[in-house]
Full PDB file with SEQRES, HELIX, SHEET, SSBOND, CRYST1, ORIGX, SCALE, CONECT and MASTER records, all heavy atoms in Angstrom:
SEQRES   1 A   34  HIS THR GLN VAL THR GLU ALA THR PRO PRO THR PHE VAL          
SEQRES   2 A   34  TRP THR THR ALA GLU ASP THR SER VAL PRO PRO ALA LYS          
SEQRES   3 A   34  ASN ALA LEU PRO TYR VAL THR ALA                              
HELIX    1 AA1 PRO A   24  LYS A   26  5                                   3    
HELIX    2 AA2 ALA A   28  THR A   33  1                                   6    
CRYST1    1.000    1.000    1.000  90.00  90.00  90.00 P 1           1          
ORIGX1      1.000000  0.000000  0.000000        0.00000                         
ORIGX2      0.000000  1.000000  0.000000        0.00000                         
ORIGX3      0.000000  0.000000  1.000000        0.00000                         
SCALE1      1.000000  0.000000  0.000000        0.00000                         
SCALE2      0.000000  1.000000  0.000000        0.00000                         
SCALE3      0.000000  0.000000  1.000000        0.00000                         
ATOM      1  N   HIS A   1      -5.039   4.499   2.998  1.00  0.00           N  
ATOM      2  CA  HIS A   1      -4.275   5.411   2.141  1.00  0.00           C  
ATOM      3  C   HIS A   1      -4.773   6.846   2.274  1.00  0.00           C  
ATOM      4  O   HIS A   1      -4.029   7.786   1.987  1.00  0.00           O  
ATOM      5  CB  HIS A   1      -4.327   4.958   0.679  1.00  0.00           C  
ATOM      6  CG  HIS A   1      -5.694   4.997   0.071  1.00  0.00           C  
ATOM      7  ND1 HIS A   1      -6.758   4.254   0.544  1.00  0.00           N  
ATOM      8  CD2 HIS A   1      -6.183   5.716  -0.982  1.00  0.00           C  
ATOM      9  CE1 HIS A   1      -7.819   4.486  -0.194  1.00  0.00           C  
ATOM     10  NE2 HIS A   1      -7.501   5.371  -1.123  1.00  0.00           N  
ATOM     11  N   THR A   2      -6.010   7.012   2.741  1.00  0.00           N  
ATOM     12  CA  THR A   2      -6.554   8.362   2.921  1.00  0.00           C  
ATOM     13  C   THR A   2      -6.130   8.982   4.245  1.00  0.00           C  
ATOM     14  O   THR A   2      -6.376  10.178   4.468  1.00  0.00           O  
ATOM     15  CB  THR A   2      -8.085   8.348   2.866  1.00  0.00           C  
ATOM     16  OG1 THR A   2      -8.614   7.650   4.014  1.00  0.00           O  
ATOM     17  CG2 THR A   2      -8.580   7.667   1.590  1.00  0.00           C  
ATOM     18  N   GLN A   3      -5.497   8.205   5.111  1.00  0.00           N  
ATOM     19  CA  GLN A   3      -5.155   8.669   6.462  1.00  0.00           C  
ATOM     20  C   GLN A   3      -3.658   8.908   6.654  1.00  0.00           C  
ATOM     21  O   GLN A   3      -3.225   9.298   7.739  1.00  0.00           O  
ATOM     22  CB  GLN A   3      -5.642   7.643   7.494  1.00  0.00           C  
ATOM     23  CG  GLN A   3      -7.124   7.314   7.401  1.00  0.00           C  
ATOM     24  CD  GLN A   3      -8.001   8.532   7.600  1.00  0.00           C  
ATOM     25  OE1 GLN A   3      -7.852   9.272   8.567  1.00  0.00           O  
ATOM     26  NE2 GLN A   3      -8.927   8.758   6.666  1.00  0.00           N  
ATOM     27  N   VAL A   4      -2.860   8.659   5.638  1.00  0.00           N  
ATOM     28  CA  VAL A   4      -1.407   8.842   5.751  1.00  0.00           C  
ATOM     29  C   VAL A   4      -1.080  10.321   5.933  1.00  0.00           C  
ATOM     30  O   VAL A   4      -1.644  11.194   5.269  1.00  0.00           O  
ATOM     31  CB  VAL A   4      -0.697   8.294   4.495  1.00  0.00           C  
ATOM     32  CG1 VAL A   4       0.785   8.663   4.491  1.00  0.00           C  
ATOM     33  CG2 VAL A   4      -0.864   6.777   4.419  1.00  0.00           C  
ATOM     34  N   THR A   5      -0.150  10.615   6.851  1.00  0.00           N  
ATOM     35  CA  THR A   5       0.337  11.979   7.071  1.00  0.00           C  
ATOM     36  C   THR A   5       1.860  11.965   7.103  1.00  0.00           C  
ATOM     37  O   THR A   5       2.491  10.901   7.040  1.00  0.00           O  
ATOM     38  CB  THR A   5      -0.179  12.555   8.403  1.00  0.00           C  
ATOM     39  OG1 THR A   5       0.476  11.873   9.490  1.00  0.00           O  
ATOM     40  CG2 THR A   5      -1.685  12.401   8.536  1.00  0.00           C  
ATOM     41  N   GLU A   6       2.431  13.139   7.242  1.00  0.00           N  
ATOM     42  CA  GLU A   6       3.890  13.230   7.358  1.00  0.00           C  
ATOM     43  C   GLU A   6       4.402  12.536   8.605  1.00  0.00           C  
ATOM     44  O   GLU A   6       5.583  12.168   8.680  1.00  0.00           O  
ATOM     45  CB  GLU A   6       4.313  14.701   7.382  1.00  0.00           C  
ATOM     46  CG  GLU A   6       4.098  15.454   6.078  1.00  0.00           C  
ATOM     47  CD  GLU A   6       2.680  15.967   5.898  1.00  0.00           C  
ATOM     48  OE1 GLU A   6       1.821  15.682   6.765  1.00  0.00           O  
ATOM     49  OE2 GLU A   6       2.417  16.666   4.894  1.00  0.00           O  
ATOM     50  N   ALA A   7       3.532  12.302   9.597  1.00  0.00           N  
ATOM     51  CA  ALA A   7       3.934  11.656  10.853  1.00  0.00           C  
ATOM     52  C   ALA A   7       3.783  10.136  10.824  1.00  0.00           C  
ATOM     53  O   ALA A   7       4.088   9.462  11.807  1.00  0.00           O  
ATOM     54  CB  ALA A   7       3.117  12.223  12.010  1.00  0.00           C  
ATOM     55  N   THR A   8       3.330   9.586   9.696  1.00  0.00           N  
ATOM     56  CA  THR A   8       3.225   8.129   9.574  1.00  0.00           C  
ATOM     57  C   THR A   8       4.627   7.515   9.608  1.00  0.00           C  
ATOM     58  O   THR A   8       5.534   8.022   8.944  1.00  0.00           O  
ATOM     59  CB  THR A   8       2.507   7.760   8.263  1.00  0.00           C  
ATOM     60  OG1 THR A   8       1.193   8.323   8.285  1.00  0.00           O  
ATOM     61  CG2 THR A   8       2.417   6.259   8.085  1.00  0.00           C  
ATOM     62  N   PRO A   9       4.833   6.442  10.375  1.00  0.00           N  
ATOM     63  CA  PRO A   9       6.173   5.844  10.465  1.00  0.00           C  
ATOM     64  C   PRO A   9       6.658   5.276   9.124  1.00  0.00           C  
ATOM     65  O   PRO A   9       5.849   4.941   8.246  1.00  0.00           O  
ATOM     66  CB  PRO A   9       5.983   4.717  11.493  1.00  0.00           C  
ATOM     67  CG  PRO A   9       4.759   5.084  12.257  1.00  0.00           C  
ATOM     68  CD  PRO A   9       3.873   5.797  11.275  1.00  0.00           C  
ATOM     69  N   PRO A  10       7.981   5.158   8.961  1.00  0.00           N  
ATOM     70  CA  PRO A  10       8.543   4.516   7.769  1.00  0.00           C  
ATOM     71  C   PRO A  10       7.922   3.141   7.552  1.00  0.00           C  
ATOM     72  O   PRO A  10       7.613   2.429   8.512  1.00  0.00           O  
ATOM     73  CB  PRO A  10      10.034   4.413   8.103  1.00  0.00           C  
ATOM     74  CG  PRO A  10      10.275   5.519   9.080  1.00  0.00           C  
ATOM     75  CD  PRO A  10       9.023   5.606   9.900  1.00  0.00           C  
ATOM     76  N   THR A  11       7.768   2.773   6.286  1.00  0.00           N  
ATOM     77  CA  THR A  11       6.980   1.588   5.962  1.00  0.00           C  
ATOM     78  C   THR A  11       7.636   0.746   4.878  1.00  0.00           C  
ATOM     79  O   THR A  11       8.001   1.253   3.818  1.00  0.00           O  
ATOM     80  CB  THR A  11       5.569   1.998   5.497  1.00  0.00           C  
ATOM     81  OG1 THR A  11       4.948   2.806   6.512  1.00  0.00           O  
ATOM     82  CG2 THR A  11       4.706   0.780   5.255  1.00  0.00           C  
ATOM     83  N   PHE A  12       7.753  -0.553   5.166  1.00  0.00           N  
ATOM     84  CA  PHE A  12       8.207  -1.547   4.196  1.00  0.00           C  
ATOM     85  C   PHE A  12       6.973  -2.295   3.697  1.00  0.00           C  
ATOM     86  O   PHE A  12       6.139  -2.723   4.495  1.00  0.00           O  
ATOM     87  CB  PHE A  12       9.185  -2.516   4.857  1.00  0.00           C  
ATOM     88  CG  PHE A  12       9.668  -3.634   3.973  1.00  0.00           C  
ATOM     89  CD1 PHE A  12      10.850  -3.500   3.251  1.00  0.00           C  
ATOM     90  CD2 PHE A  12       8.958  -4.817   3.863  1.00  0.00           C  
ATOM     91  CE1 PHE A  12      11.299  -4.519   2.432  1.00  0.00           C  
ATOM     92  CE2 PHE A  12       9.397  -5.852   3.040  1.00  0.00           C  
ATOM     93  CZ  PHE A  12      10.580  -5.706   2.328  1.00  0.00           C  
ATOM     94  N   VAL A  13       6.854  -2.459   2.379  1.00  0.00           N  
ATOM     95  CA  VAL A  13       5.683  -3.119   1.794  1.00  0.00           C  
ATOM     96  C   VAL A  13       6.145  -4.175   0.797  1.00  0.00           C  
ATOM     97  O   VAL A  13       7.028  -3.909  -0.026  1.00  0.00           O  
ATOM     98  CB  VAL A  13       4.767  -2.112   1.066  1.00  0.00           C  
ATOM     99  CG1 VAL A  13       3.515  -2.804   0.524  1.00  0.00           C  
ATOM    100  CG2 VAL A  13       4.373  -0.960   1.993  1.00  0.00           C  
ATOM    101  N   TRP A  14       5.533  -5.353   0.876  1.00  0.00           N  
ATOM    102  CA  TRP A  14       5.766  -6.326  -0.197  1.00  0.00           C  
ATOM    103  C   TRP A  14       4.462  -7.057  -0.519  1.00  0.00           C  
ATOM    104  O   TRP A  14       3.587  -7.228   0.319  1.00  0.00           O  
ATOM    105  CB  TRP A  14       6.876  -7.310   0.137  1.00  0.00           C  
ATOM    106  CG  TRP A  14       6.521  -8.467   1.036  1.00  0.00           C  
ATOM    107  CD1 TRP A  14       6.565  -8.484   2.393  1.00  0.00           C  
ATOM    108  CD2 TRP A  14       6.101  -9.783   0.630  1.00  0.00           C  
ATOM    109  NE1 TRP A  14       6.192  -9.715   2.869  1.00  0.00           N  
ATOM    110  CE2 TRP A  14       5.906 -10.535   1.802  1.00  0.00           C  
ATOM    111  CE3 TRP A  14       5.872 -10.395  -0.598  1.00  0.00           C  
ATOM    112  CZ2 TRP A  14       5.478 -11.865   1.785  1.00  0.00           C  
ATOM    113  CZ3 TRP A  14       5.446 -11.720  -0.624  1.00  0.00           C  
ATOM    114  CH2 TRP A  14       5.263 -12.449   0.556  1.00  0.00           C  
ATOM    115  N   THR A  15       4.346  -7.475  -1.774  1.00  0.00           N  
ATOM    116  CA  THR A  15       3.184  -8.213  -2.236  1.00  0.00           C  
ATOM    117  C   THR A  15       3.559  -8.933  -3.526  1.00  0.00           C  
ATOM    118  O   THR A  15       4.731  -8.937  -3.922  1.00  0.00           O  
ATOM    119  CB  THR A  15       1.986  -7.260  -2.440  1.00  0.00           C  
ATOM    120  OG1 THR A  15       0.829  -8.026  -2.770  1.00  0.00           O  
ATOM    121  CG2 THR A  15       2.256  -6.233  -3.524  1.00  0.00           C  
ATOM    122  N   THR A  16       2.578  -9.550  -4.166  1.00  0.00           N  
ATOM    123  CA  THR A  16       2.827 -10.238  -5.432  1.00  0.00           C  
ATOM    124  C   THR A  16       1.837  -9.743  -6.484  1.00  0.00           C  
ATOM    125  O   THR A  16       0.670  -9.470  -6.178  1.00  0.00           O  
ATOM    126  CB  THR A  16       2.692 -11.770  -5.292  1.00  0.00           C  
ATOM    127  OG1 THR A  16       1.388 -12.084  -4.791  1.00  0.00           O  
ATOM    128  CG2 THR A  16       3.748 -12.317  -4.356  1.00  0.00           C  
ATOM    129  N   ALA A  17       2.298  -9.659  -7.718  1.00  0.00           N  
ATOM    130  CA  ALA A  17       1.457  -9.138  -8.796  1.00  0.00           C  
ATOM    131  C   ALA A  17       0.289 -10.064  -9.099  1.00  0.00           C  
ATOM    132  O   ALA A  17      -0.741  -9.613  -9.617  1.00  0.00           O  
ATOM    133  CB  ALA A  17       2.305  -8.926 -10.053  1.00  0.00           C  
ATOM    134  N   GLU A  18       0.417 -11.346  -8.804  1.00  0.00           N  
ATOM    135  CA  GLU A  18      -0.643 -12.316  -9.084  1.00  0.00           C  
ATOM    136  C   GLU A  18      -1.625 -12.471  -7.922  1.00  0.00           C  
ATOM    137  O   GLU A  18      -2.477 -13.369  -7.954  1.00  0.00           O  
ATOM    138  CB  GLU A  18      -0.032 -13.672  -9.427  1.00  0.00           C  
ATOM    139  CG  GLU A  18       0.704 -13.678 -10.758  1.00  0.00           C  
ATOM    140  CD  GLU A  18       1.247 -15.046 -11.146  1.00  0.00           C  
ATOM    141  OE1 GLU A  18       1.331 -15.939 -10.269  1.00  0.00           O  
ATOM    142  OE2 GLU A  18       1.583 -15.224 -12.329  1.00  0.00           O  
ATOM    143  N   ASP A  19      -1.536 -11.612  -6.925  1.00  0.00           N  
ATOM    144  CA  ASP A  19      -2.460 -11.672  -5.788  1.00  0.00           C  
ATOM    145  C   ASP A  19      -3.826 -11.160  -6.233  1.00  0.00           C  
ATOM    146  O   ASP A  19      -4.032  -9.959  -6.412  1.00  0.00           O  
ATOM    147  CB  ASP A  19      -1.924 -10.829  -4.629  1.00  0.00           C  
ATOM    148  CG  ASP A  19      -2.726 -10.990  -3.347  1.00  0.00           C  
ATOM    149  OD1 ASP A  19      -3.896 -11.428  -3.419  1.00  0.00           O  
ATOM    150  OD2 ASP A  19      -2.179 -10.686  -2.263  1.00  0.00           O  
ATOM    151  N   THR A  20      -4.771 -12.080  -6.414  1.00  0.00           N  
ATOM    152  CA  THR A  20      -6.126 -11.684  -6.805  1.00  0.00           C  
ATOM    153  C   THR A  20      -7.051 -11.556  -5.596  1.00  0.00           C  
ATOM    154  O   THR A  20      -8.151 -11.015  -5.719  1.00  0.00           O  
ATOM    155  CB  THR A  20      -6.727 -12.707  -7.791  1.00  0.00           C  
ATOM    156  OG1 THR A  20      -6.706 -14.018  -7.182  1.00  0.00           O  
ATOM    157  CG2 THR A  20      -5.920 -12.740  -9.085  1.00  0.00           C  
ATOM    158  N   SER A  21      -6.629 -12.046  -4.445  1.00  0.00           N  
ATOM    159  CA  SER A  21      -7.446 -11.922  -3.233  1.00  0.00           C  
ATOM    160  C   SER A  21      -7.361 -10.524  -2.648  1.00  0.00           C  
ATOM    161  O   SER A  21      -8.364  -9.942  -2.220  1.00  0.00           O  
ATOM    162  CB  SER A  21      -6.985 -12.952  -2.191  1.00  0.00           C  
ATOM    163  OG  SER A  21      -7.169 -14.265  -2.656  1.00  0.00           O  
ATOM    164  N   VAL A  22      -6.132  -9.983  -2.598  1.00  0.00           N  
ATOM    165  CA  VAL A  22      -5.887  -8.621  -2.113  1.00  0.00           C  
ATOM    166  C   VAL A  22      -5.020  -7.930  -3.168  1.00  0.00           C  
ATOM    167  O   VAL A  22      -3.803  -7.820  -3.018  1.00  0.00           O  
ATOM    168  CB  VAL A  22      -5.203  -8.635  -0.739  1.00  0.00           C  
ATOM    169  CG1 VAL A  22      -4.986  -7.216  -0.215  1.00  0.00           C  
ATOM    170  CG2 VAL A  22      -6.033  -9.428   0.273  1.00  0.00           C  
ATOM    171  N   PRO A  23      -5.634  -7.485  -4.265  1.00  0.00           N  
ATOM    172  CA  PRO A  23      -4.858  -7.004  -5.414  1.00  0.00           C  
ATOM    173  C   PRO A  23      -3.993  -5.788  -5.081  1.00  0.00           C  
ATOM    174  O   PRO A  23      -4.468  -4.842  -4.432  1.00  0.00           O  
ATOM    175  CB  PRO A  23      -5.940  -6.633  -6.433  1.00  0.00           C  
ATOM    176  CG  PRO A  23      -7.165  -7.369  -5.996  1.00  0.00           C  
ATOM    177  CD  PRO A  23      -7.088  -7.448  -4.515  1.00  0.00           C  
ATOM    178  N   PRO A  24      -2.736  -5.785  -5.498  1.00  0.00           N  
ATOM    179  CA  PRO A  24      -1.859  -4.643  -5.227  1.00  0.00           C  
ATOM    180  C   PRO A  24      -2.405  -3.322  -5.733  1.00  0.00           C  
ATOM    181  O   PRO A  24      -2.234  -2.285  -5.086  1.00  0.00           O  
ATOM    182  CB  PRO A  24      -0.566  -5.019  -5.956  1.00  0.00           C  
ATOM    183  CG  PRO A  24      -0.596  -6.498  -6.087  1.00  0.00           C  
ATOM    184  CD  PRO A  24      -2.038  -6.869  -6.210  1.00  0.00           C  
ATOM    185  N   ALA A  25      -3.076  -3.327  -6.887  1.00  0.00           N  
ATOM    186  CA  ALA A  25      -3.557  -2.074  -7.474  1.00  0.00           C  
ATOM    187  C   ALA A  25      -4.592  -1.376  -6.589  1.00  0.00           C  
ATOM    188  O   ALA A  25      -4.747  -0.154  -6.657  1.00  0.00           O  
ATOM    189  CB  ALA A  25      -4.157  -2.343  -8.853  1.00  0.00           C  
ATOM    190  N   LYS A  26      -5.290  -2.147  -5.751  1.00  0.00           N  
ATOM    191  CA  LYS A  26      -6.325  -1.570  -4.891  1.00  0.00           C  
ATOM    192  C   LYS A  26      -5.886  -1.487  -3.430  1.00  0.00           C  
ATOM    193  O   LYS A  26      -6.670  -1.041  -2.586  1.00  0.00           O  
ATOM    194  CB  LYS A  26      -7.602  -2.401  -5.002  1.00  0.00           C  
ATOM    195  CG  LYS A  26      -8.199  -2.414  -6.402  1.00  0.00           C  
ATOM    196  CD  LYS A  26      -9.411  -3.322  -6.480  1.00  0.00           C  
ATOM    197  CE  LYS A  26      -9.982  -3.344  -7.901  1.00  0.00           C  
ATOM    198  NZ  LYS A  26     -11.154  -4.260  -8.007  1.00  0.00           N  
ATOM    199  N   ASN A  27      -4.660  -1.910  -3.148  1.00  0.00           N  
ATOM    200  CA  ASN A  27      -4.214  -1.964  -1.759  1.00  0.00           C  
ATOM    201  C   ASN A  27      -2.806  -1.399  -1.581  1.00  0.00           C  
ATOM    202  O   ASN A  27      -2.648  -0.252  -1.181  1.00  0.00           O  
ATOM    203  CB  ASN A  27      -4.303  -3.411  -1.256  1.00  0.00           C  
ATOM    204  CG  ASN A  27      -5.737  -3.901  -1.149  1.00  0.00           C  
ATOM    205  OD1 ASN A  27      -6.453  -3.540  -0.234  1.00  0.00           O  
ATOM    206  ND2 ASN A  27      -6.169  -4.738  -2.090  1.00  0.00           N  
ATOM    207  N   ALA A  28      -1.798  -2.173  -1.878  1.00  0.00           N  
ATOM    208  CA  ALA A  28      -0.421  -1.735  -1.635  1.00  0.00           C  
ATOM    209  C   ALA A  28      -0.076  -0.465  -2.404  1.00  0.00           C  
ATOM    210  O   ALA A  28       0.547   0.460  -1.854  1.00  0.00           O  
ATOM    211  CB  ALA A  28       0.555  -2.858  -1.989  1.00  0.00           C  
ATOM    212  N   LEU A  29      -0.453  -0.401  -3.670  1.00  0.00           N  
ATOM    213  CA  LEU A  29      -0.043   0.738  -4.486  1.00  0.00           C  
ATOM    214  C   LEU A  29      -0.676   2.060  -4.034  1.00  0.00           C  
ATOM    215  O   LEU A  29       0.031   3.074  -3.960  1.00  0.00           O  
ATOM    216  CB  LEU A  29      -0.330   0.454  -5.960  1.00  0.00           C  
ATOM    217  CG  LEU A  29       0.587  -0.591  -6.604  1.00  0.00           C  
ATOM    218  CD1 LEU A  29       0.184  -0.847  -8.046  1.00  0.00           C  
ATOM    219  CD2 LEU A  29       2.039  -0.167  -6.523  1.00  0.00           C  
ATOM    220  N   PRO A  30      -1.978   2.122  -3.737  1.00  0.00           N  
ATOM    221  CA  PRO A  30      -2.516   3.383  -3.211  1.00  0.00           C  
ATOM    222  C   PRO A  30      -1.839   3.811  -1.905  1.00  0.00           C  
ATOM    223  O   PRO A  30      -1.621   5.012  -1.687  1.00  0.00           O  
ATOM    224  CB  PRO A  30      -3.995   3.070  -2.994  1.00  0.00           C  
ATOM    225  CG  PRO A  30      -4.296   1.948  -3.919  1.00  0.00           C  
ATOM    226  CD  PRO A  30      -3.048   1.136  -3.975  1.00  0.00           C  
ATOM    227  N   TYR A  31      -1.501   2.853  -1.063  1.00  0.00           N  
ATOM    228  CA  TYR A  31      -0.874   3.214   0.209  1.00  0.00           C  
ATOM    229  C   TYR A  31       0.533   3.767  -0.010  1.00  0.00           C  
ATOM    230  O   TYR A  31       0.910   4.797   0.557  1.00  0.00           O  
ATOM    231  CB  TYR A  31      -0.817   1.998   1.136  1.00  0.00           C  
ATOM    232  CG  TYR A  31      -0.480   2.371   2.564  1.00  0.00           C  
ATOM    233  CD1 TYR A  31      -1.444   2.885   3.414  1.00  0.00           C  
ATOM    234  CD2 TYR A  31       0.811   2.214   3.055  1.00  0.00           C  
ATOM    235  CE1 TYR A  31      -1.144   3.244   4.723  1.00  0.00           C  
ATOM    236  CE2 TYR A  31       1.127   2.564   4.358  1.00  0.00           C  
ATOM    237  CZ  TYR A  31       0.141   3.083   5.190  1.00  0.00           C  
ATOM    238  OH  TYR A  31       0.456   3.448   6.480  1.00  0.00           O  
ATOM    239  N   VAL A  32       1.319   3.108  -0.845  1.00  0.00           N  
ATOM    240  CA  VAL A  32       2.679   3.575  -1.118  1.00  0.00           C  
ATOM    241  C   VAL A  32       2.644   4.933  -1.820  1.00  0.00           C  
ATOM    242  O   VAL A  32       3.481   5.805  -1.540  1.00  0.00           O  
ATOM    243  CB  VAL A  32       3.448   2.527  -1.944  1.00  0.00           C  
ATOM    244  CG1 VAL A  32       4.734   3.111  -2.489  1.00  0.00           C  
ATOM    245  CG2 VAL A  32       3.743   1.303  -1.099  1.00  0.00           C  
ATOM    246  N   THR A  33       1.689   5.134  -2.710  1.00  0.00           N  
ATOM    247  CA  THR A  33       1.551   6.438  -3.352  1.00  0.00           C  
ATOM    248  C   THR A  33       1.300   7.534  -2.318  1.00  0.00           C  
ATOM    249  O   THR A  33       1.890   8.629  -2.385  1.00  0.00           O  
ATOM    250  CB  THR A  33       0.402   6.413  -4.372  1.00  0.00           C  
ATOM    251  OG1 THR A  33       0.690   5.437  -5.381  1.00  0.00           O  
ATOM    252  CG2 THR A  33       0.211   7.775  -5.025  1.00  0.00           C  
ATOM    253  N   ALA A  34       0.456   7.236  -1.334  1.00  0.00           N  
ATOM    254  CA  ALA A  34       0.184   8.212  -0.272  1.00  0.00           C  
ATOM    255  C   ALA A  34       1.434   8.482   0.554  1.00  0.00           C  
ATOM    256  O   ALA A  34       1.706   9.630   0.928  1.00  0.00           O  
ATOM    257  CB  ALA A  34      -0.950   7.708   0.616  1.00  0.00           C  
TER     258      ALA A  34                                                      
MASTER        0    0    0    2    0    0    0    6  257    1    0    3          
END                                                                             
């Protein structure tokens, strides 16, 4: 999420709210915010 730029390709993301192994709050959400 710290490396995203305007040149990053379009991105589709999916996950589940109950994912405790790779929690969305620490993974998918920071990336989509970037």
